[in-house]
Every structure is written in C-alpha cells, then in structure tokens.
Amino acid sequence: IFTGKISHELVYDYLQRADVFISLYSASNLGNPLFEAMRCGKAIITVDTGTTGSVIKNEANGILLPEKELSCLPEEICRLLSDEDERKRLGEGAKRFADENFWTWDERIAAEIEQTIQASLEREVTTERLGEMVMERLKPVDEVAYIRFASIYHQFQDADSFMREISK
C-alpha cells in the first residue's frame, strides 16, 4: 500500500493489513517504521546497513539481506508470501524482540514528558516554562500528542493549576 503520509494513529492499522514489511534504506534501517512493524508482529525483510543487524537477527525475527546483494529480494518476498507459517514465526520473533527491548509509543511520550519535568526541576524552571518545554519536546516526536497536551494545558487558568492537576 502506498498512501503517502498518514497520521500516526493510522500506522498500526495499515501495518496490520500487511503480510510482509520491507525496509530497504541505504543508510540505516533502524527507525520508527521498522520498530512499529516489529511491534505489530510483521515478518520483516531488510538490508544489513548501519546497526540494523543488532535488531534484526536473520531467520530469527526477520530476513536480513546483505547490503550489496539485493538480487535475492524477489525470492525472499515470494518465499514469505507463500509460507504463512514462516511469516508467522518471523513476525512472532519480531514482536517478542520489540516487546522485550522497545518502548511503546505511549511509554516514549510519557518518558519525554518525565525527562522534561526532571530537567525543569534541576534548572528551577517556572511551571509556565515547563508547559512550553513539554510542548517543544513533544512536537517533533508526535504532533497528535503535542496537540492533545497543548489543548489540555491551555484549558487551565495558569501553569501552577495545570501542574497540580497532572501531579495527582
């Protein structure tokens, strides 16, 4: 499925529809798309670039192709598409690795907020500035979380009342 940009909330819906996830970036394949596919339990085909081999173990939780030997890609795609048991085995391995080693998206957002709060306490930042810092930190990570946080934050009359509310 080639859709162009989709909202983060739809990523998992699209990934669930896939039989195989293929990532062929030339620099490094480690990033949110690969991690999200693993979390969804998808059979993965990727290229051994950068540190991808530290996450994808060939034939254990995905297919790791040598960087300069992509001629076997069509064969690997056909093999996985025609073997449901193998797709399931690799997908289960990918999900198990992701569950044991990666945060969920919500855990990452919570950690971003917690790290910002800790940094503000160390620097004696005003609560108003803290709200701004959280929004600055969330915006590049997850625009939806940023918008939600900003709308909740701005419902309060002042930053102190907001901080008292989220500290409950």
C-alpha atoms as a PDB file:
ATOM      1  CA  ILE A   1       0.000   0.000   0.000  1.00  0.00           C
ATOM      2  CA  PHE A   2       1.481   3.333  -0.993  1.00  0.00           C
ATOM      3  CA  THR A   3      -0.512   6.083   0.689  1.00  0.00           C
ATOM      4  CA  GLY A   4       1.926   8.900   1.256  1.00  0.00           C
ATOM      5  CA  LYS A   5       1.938  10.453   4.699  1.00  0.00           C
ATOM      6  CA  ILE A   6      -0.625   9.124   7.176  1.00  0.00           C
ATOM      7  CA  SER A   7      -1.309  10.167  10.743  1.00  0.00           C
ATOM      8  CA  HIS A   8       0.461   8.233  13.479  1.00  0.00           C
ATOM      9  CA  GLU A   9      -2.868   6.927  14.774  1.00  0.00           C
ATOM     10  CA  LEU A  10      -3.384   5.038  11.492  1.00  0.00           C
ATOM     11  CA  VAL A  11       0.092   3.496  11.247  1.00  0.00           C
ATOM     12  CA  TYR A  12      -0.769   0.358  13.179  1.00  0.00           C
ATOM     13  CA  ASP A  13      -3.998  -0.145  11.214  1.00  0.00           C
ATOM     14  CA  TYR A  14      -2.036  -0.081   7.966  1.00  0.00           C
ATOM     15  CA  LEU A  15       0.702  -2.335   9.321  1.00  0.00           C
ATOM     16  CA  GLN A  16      -1.855  -4.904  10.491  1.00  0.00           C
ATOM     17  CA  ARG A  17      -3.036  -5.234   6.878  1.00  0.00           C
ATOM     18  CA  ALA A  18       0.455  -6.075   5.617  1.00  0.00           C
ATOM     19  CA  ASP A  19       1.730  -9.608   5.141  1.00  0.00           C
ATOM     20  CA  VAL A  20       5.379  -8.532   4.990  1.00  0.00           C
ATOM     21  CA  PHE A  21       7.200  -5.309   5.904  1.00  0.00           C
ATOM     22  CA  ILE A  22      10.127  -4.415   3.637  1.00  0.00           C
ATOM     23  CA  SER A  23      12.648  -1.722   4.524  1.00  0.00           C
ATOM     24  CA  LEU A  24      15.442  -1.013   2.062  1.00  0.00           C
ATOM     25  CA  TYR A  25      17.009   2.264   3.211  1.00  0.00           C
ATOM     26  CA  SER A  26      20.630   2.522   2.146  1.00  0.00           C
ATOM     27  CA  ALA A  27      21.998   4.274   5.261  1.00  0.00           C
ATOM     28  CA  SER A  28      20.331   2.534   8.204  1.00  0.00           C
ATOM     29  CA  ASN A  29      17.009   0.808   8.612  1.00  0.00           C
ATOM     30  CA  LEU A  30      16.671   1.479  12.314  1.00  0.00           C
ATOM     31  CA  GLY A  31      13.839   3.868  12.956  1.00  0.00           C
ATOM     32  CA  ASN A  32      10.184   4.103  13.842  1.00  0.00           C
ATOM     33  CA  PRO A  33       8.839   2.275  10.753  1.00  0.00           C
ATOM     34  CA  LEU A  34      10.926  -0.821  11.467  1.00  0.00           C
ATOM     35  CA  PHE A  35      10.172  -0.722  15.213  1.00  0.00           C
ATOM     36  CA  GLU A  36       6.440  -0.266  14.578  1.00  0.00           C
ATOM     37  CA  ALA A  37       6.387  -3.208  12.161  1.00  0.00           C
ATOM     38  CA  MET A  38       8.161  -5.336  14.753  1.00  0.00           C
ATOM     39  CA  ARG A  39       5.708  -4.284  17.455  1.00  0.00           C
ATOM     40  CA  CYS A  40       2.860  -5.325  15.111  1.00  0.00           C
ATOM     41  CA  GLY A  41       4.419  -8.754  14.661  1.00  0.00           C
ATOM     42  CA  LYS A  42       5.129  -8.429  10.962  1.00  0.00           C
ATOM     43  CA  ALA A  43       7.557 -10.592   9.025  1.00  0.00           C
ATOM     44  CA  ILE A  44      10.350  -8.215   8.042  1.00  0.00           C
ATOM     45  CA  ILE A  45      12.774  -8.110   5.136  1.00  0.00           C
ATOM     46  CA  THR A  46      15.505  -5.520   5.489  1.00  0.00           C
ATOM     47  CA  VAL A  47      19.059  -4.721   4.479  1.00  0.00           C
ATOM     48  CA  ASP A  48      22.047  -5.144   6.778  1.00  0.00           C
ATOM     49  CA  THR A  49      23.086  -1.488   6.926  1.00  0.00           C
ATOM     50  CA  GLY A  50      24.183   0.602   9.888  1.00  0.00           C
ATOM     51  CA  THR A  51      23.190  -1.159  13.085  1.00  0.00           C
ATOM     52  CA  THR A  52      20.179  -2.988  11.662  1.00  0.00           C
ATOM     53  CA  GLY A  53      21.863  -6.323  12.404  1.00  0.00           C
ATOM     54  CA  SER A  54      21.743  -5.528  16.117  1.00  0.00           C
ATOM     55  CA  VAL A  55      17.938  -5.646  15.959  1.00  0.00           C
ATOM     56  CA  ILE A  56      17.061  -7.991  13.098  1.00  0.00           C
ATOM     57  CA  LYS A  57      18.579 -11.440  13.537  1.00  0.00           C
ATOM     58  CA  ASN A  58      18.475 -13.245  10.210  1.00  0.00           C
ATOM     59  CA  GLU A  59      15.858 -16.012  10.164  1.00  0.00           C
ATOM     60  CA  ALA A  60      15.037 -15.434  13.869  1.00  0.00           C
ATOM     61  CA  ASN A  61      12.929 -12.257  13.720  1.00  0.00           C
ATOM     62  CA  GLY A  62      13.258 -11.226  10.094  1.00  0.00           C
ATOM     63  CA  ILE A  63      15.237 -11.623   6.902  1.00  0.00           C
ATOM     64  CA  LEU A  64      18.466  -9.627   6.875  1.00  0.00           C
ATOM     65  CA  LEU A  65      19.795  -9.219   3.343  1.00  0.00           C
ATOM     66  CA  PRO A  66      23.453  -8.421   2.668  1.00  0.00           C
ATOM     67  CA  GLU A  67      23.767  -4.756   1.676  1.00  0.00           C
ATOM     68  CA  LYS A  68      25.310  -5.390  -1.744  1.00  0.00           C
ATOM     69  CA  GLU A  69      23.302  -8.496  -2.633  1.00  0.00           C
ATOM     70  CA  LEU A  70      19.704  -7.446  -3.176  1.00  0.00           C
ATOM     71  CA  SER A  71      19.254  -9.811  -6.119  1.00  0.00           C
ATOM     72  CA  CYS A  72      17.685 -12.328  -3.693  1.00  0.00           C
ATOM     73  CA  LEU A  73      14.973  -9.831  -2.621  1.00  0.00           C
ATOM     74  CA  PRO A  74      12.256 -11.071  -5.050  1.00  0.00           C
ATOM     75  CA  GLU A  75      12.899 -14.662  -3.995  1.00  0.00           C
ATOM     76  CA  GLU A  76      12.643 -13.776  -0.284  1.00  0.00           C
ATOM     77  CA  ILE A  77       9.417 -11.825  -0.834  1.00  0.00           C
ATOM     78  CA  CYS A  78       7.867 -14.750  -2.725  1.00  0.00           C
ATOM     79  CA  ARG A  79       9.069 -17.215  -0.092  1.00  0.00           C
ATOM     80  CA  LEU A  80       7.413 -15.285   2.743  1.00  0.00           C
ATOM     81  CA  LEU A  81       4.227 -14.522   0.831  1.00  0.00           C
ATOM     82  CA  SER A  82       3.774 -18.208   0.023  1.00  0.00           C
ATOM     83  CA  ASP A  83       4.590 -19.531   3.517  1.00  0.00           C
ATOM     84  CA  GLU A  84       2.160 -18.318   6.172  1.00  0.00           C
ATOM     85  CA  ASP A  85       3.822 -20.375   8.920  1.00  0.00           C
ATOM     86  CA  GLU A  86       7.205 -18.781   8.212  1.00  0.00           C
ATOM     87  CA  ARG A  87       5.663 -15.273   8.168  1.00  0.00           C
ATOM     88  CA  LYS A  88       4.008 -16.020  11.497  1.00  0.00           C
ATOM     89  CA  ARG A  89       7.219 -17.421  13.035  1.00  0.00           C
ATOM     90  CA  LEU A  90       9.309 -14.427  11.954  1.00  0.00           C
ATOM     91  CA  GLY A  91       6.566 -11.989  12.981  1.00  0.00           C
ATOM     92  CA  GLU A  92       6.310 -13.557  16.433  1.00  0.00           C
ATOM     93  CA  GLY A  93      10.090 -13.296  16.794  1.00  0.00           C
ATOM     94  CA  ALA A  94       9.983  -9.631  15.771  1.00  0.00           C
ATOM     95  CA  LYS A  95       7.169  -8.849  18.224  1.00  0.00           C
ATOM     96  CA  ARG A  96       8.891 -10.694  21.049  1.00  0.00           C
ATOM     97  CA  PHE A  97      12.123  -8.746  20.421  1.00  0.00           C
ATOM     98  CA  ALA A  98      10.219  -5.440  20.274  1.00  0.00           C
ATOM     99  CA  ASP A  99       8.238  -6.168  23.443  1.00  0.00           C
ATOM    100  CA  GLU A 100      11.428  -7.046  25.316  1.00  0.00           C
ATOM    101  CA  ASN A 101      13.566  -4.183  24.011  1.00  0.00           C
ATOM    102  CA  PHE A 102      11.477  -1.182  22.910  1.00  0.00           C
ATOM    103  CA  TRP A 103       9.066   1.221  24.497  1.00  0.00           C
ATOM    104  CA  THR A 104       5.523   1.509  23.269  1.00  0.00           C
ATOM    105  CA  TRP A 105       4.632   4.853  21.740  1.00  0.00           C
ATOM    106  CA  ASP A 106       2.749   5.883  24.891  1.00  0.00           C
ATOM    107  CA  GLU A 107       5.725   4.876  27.061  1.00  0.00           C
ATOM    108  CA  ARG A 108       8.014   7.010  24.897  1.00  0.00           C
ATOM    109  CA  ILE A 109       5.721  10.047  25.162  1.00  0.00           C
ATOM    110  CA  ALA A 110       5.481   9.588  28.943  1.00  0.00           C
ATOM    111  CA  ALA A 111       9.281   9.348  29.135  1.00  0.00           C
ATOM    112  CA  GLU A 112       9.686  12.524  27.042  1.00  0.00           C
ATOM    113  CA  ILE A 113       7.385  14.396  29.440  1.00  0.00           C
ATOM    114  CA  GLU A 114       9.087  12.929  32.531  1.00  0.00           C
ATOM    115  CA  GLN A 115      12.560  13.835  31.233  1.00  0.00           C
ATOM    116  CA  THR A 116      11.401  17.387  30.553  1.00  0.00           C
ATOM    117  CA  ILE A 117       9.918  17.690  34.038  1.00  0.00           C
ATOM    118  CA  GLN A 118      13.131  16.363  35.605  1.00  0.00           C
ATOM    119  CA  ALA A 119      15.226  18.816  33.574  1.00  0.00           C
ATOM    120  CA  SER A 120      12.981  21.675  34.663  1.00  0.00           C
ATOM    121  CA  LEU A 121      13.313  20.737  38.330  1.00  0.00           C
ATOM    122  CA  GLU A 122      17.091  20.700  38.058  1.00  0.00           C
ATOM    123  CA  ARG A 123      17.066  24.171  36.492  1.00  0.00           C
ATOM    124  CA  GLU A 124      14.311  25.616  38.672  1.00  0.00           C
ATOM    125  CA  VAL A 125      12.143  26.425  35.674  1.00  0.00           C
ATOM    126  CA  THR A 126       8.807  28.122  36.218  1.00  0.00           C
ATOM    127  CA  THR A 127       5.763  25.920  35.729  1.00  0.00           C
ATOM    128  CA  GLU A 128       4.681  28.094  32.800  1.00  0.00           C
ATOM    129  CA  ARG A 129       8.013  27.491  31.096  1.00  0.00           C
ATOM    130  CA  LEU A 130       7.717  23.776  31.904  1.00  0.00           C
ATOM    131  CA  GLY A 131       4.478  23.526  29.922  1.00  0.00           C
ATOM    132  CA  GLU A 132       6.191  25.223  26.997  1.00  0.00           C
ATOM    133  CA  MET A 133       9.179  22.864  27.304  1.00  0.00           C
ATOM    134  CA  VAL A 134       6.929  19.784  27.228  1.00  0.00           C
ATOM    135  CA  MET A 135       5.189  21.093  24.123  1.00  0.00           C
ATOM    136  CA  GLU A 136       8.548  21.838  22.458  1.00  0.00           C
ATOM    137  CA  ARG A 137       9.731  18.321  23.215  1.00  0.00           C
ATOM    138  CA  LEU A 138       6.546  16.608  22.023  1.00  0.00           C
ATOM    139  CA  LYS A 139       6.061  18.497  18.766  1.00  0.00           C
ATOM    140  CA  PRO A 140       8.832  16.779  16.760  1.00  0.00           C
ATOM    141  CA  VAL A 141       8.069  13.385  18.335  1.00  0.00           C
ATOM    142  CA  ASP A 142       4.307  13.159  17.909  1.00  0.00           C
ATOM    143  CA  GLU A 143       2.190  16.012  16.617  1.00  0.00           C
ATOM    144  CA  VAL A 144      -1.036  14.407  17.863  1.00  0.00           C
ATOM    145  CA  ALA A 145       0.346  14.112  21.417  1.00  0.00           C
ATOM    146  CA  TYR A 146       1.561  17.702  21.145  1.00  0.00           C
ATOM    147  CA  ILE A 147      -1.889  18.966  20.141  1.00  0.00           C
ATOM    148  CA  ARG A 148      -3.580  16.966  22.915  1.00  0.00           C
ATOM    149  CA  PHE A 149      -1.138  18.215  25.544  1.00  0.00           C
ATOM    150  CA  ALA A 150      -1.396  21.810  24.325  1.00  0.00           C
ATOM    151  CA  SER A 151      -5.197  21.771  24.352  1.00  0.00           C
ATOM    152  CA  ILE A 152      -5.292  20.335  27.886  1.00  0.00           C
ATOM    153  CA  TYR A 153      -2.579  22.710  29.077  1.00  0.00           C
ATOM    154  CA  HIS A 154      -4.370  25.776  27.727  1.00  0.00           C
ATOM    155  CA  GLN A 155      -7.651  24.856  29.461  1.00  0.00           C
ATOM    156  CA  PHE A 156      -6.132  25.822  32.794  1.00  0.00           C
ATOM    157  CA  GLN A 157      -6.005  29.410  34.033  1.00  0.00           C
ATOM    158  CA  ASP A 158      -2.348  29.154  34.921  1.00  0.00           C
ATOM    159  CA  ALA A 159       0.546  26.715  34.757  1.00  0.00           C
ATOM    160  CA  ASP A 160       0.510  26.073  38.524  1.00  0.00           C
ATOM    161  CA  SER A 161      -3.063  24.724  38.438  1.00  0.00           C
ATOM    162  CA  PHE A 162      -2.150  22.558  35.473  1.00  0.00           C
ATOM    163  CA  MET A 163       0.870  21.089  37.283  1.00  0.00           C
ATOM    164  CA  ARG A 164      -1.219  20.412  40.394  1.00  0.00           C
ATOM    165  CA  GLU A 165      -3.770  18.572  38.241  1.00  0.00           C
ATOM    166  CA  ILE A 166      -1.291  16.310  36.434  1.00  0.00           C
ATOM    167  CA  SER A 167       0.580  15.593  39.668  1.00  0.00           C
ATOM    168  CA  LYS A 168      -2.495  13.898  41.178  1.00  0.00           C
END
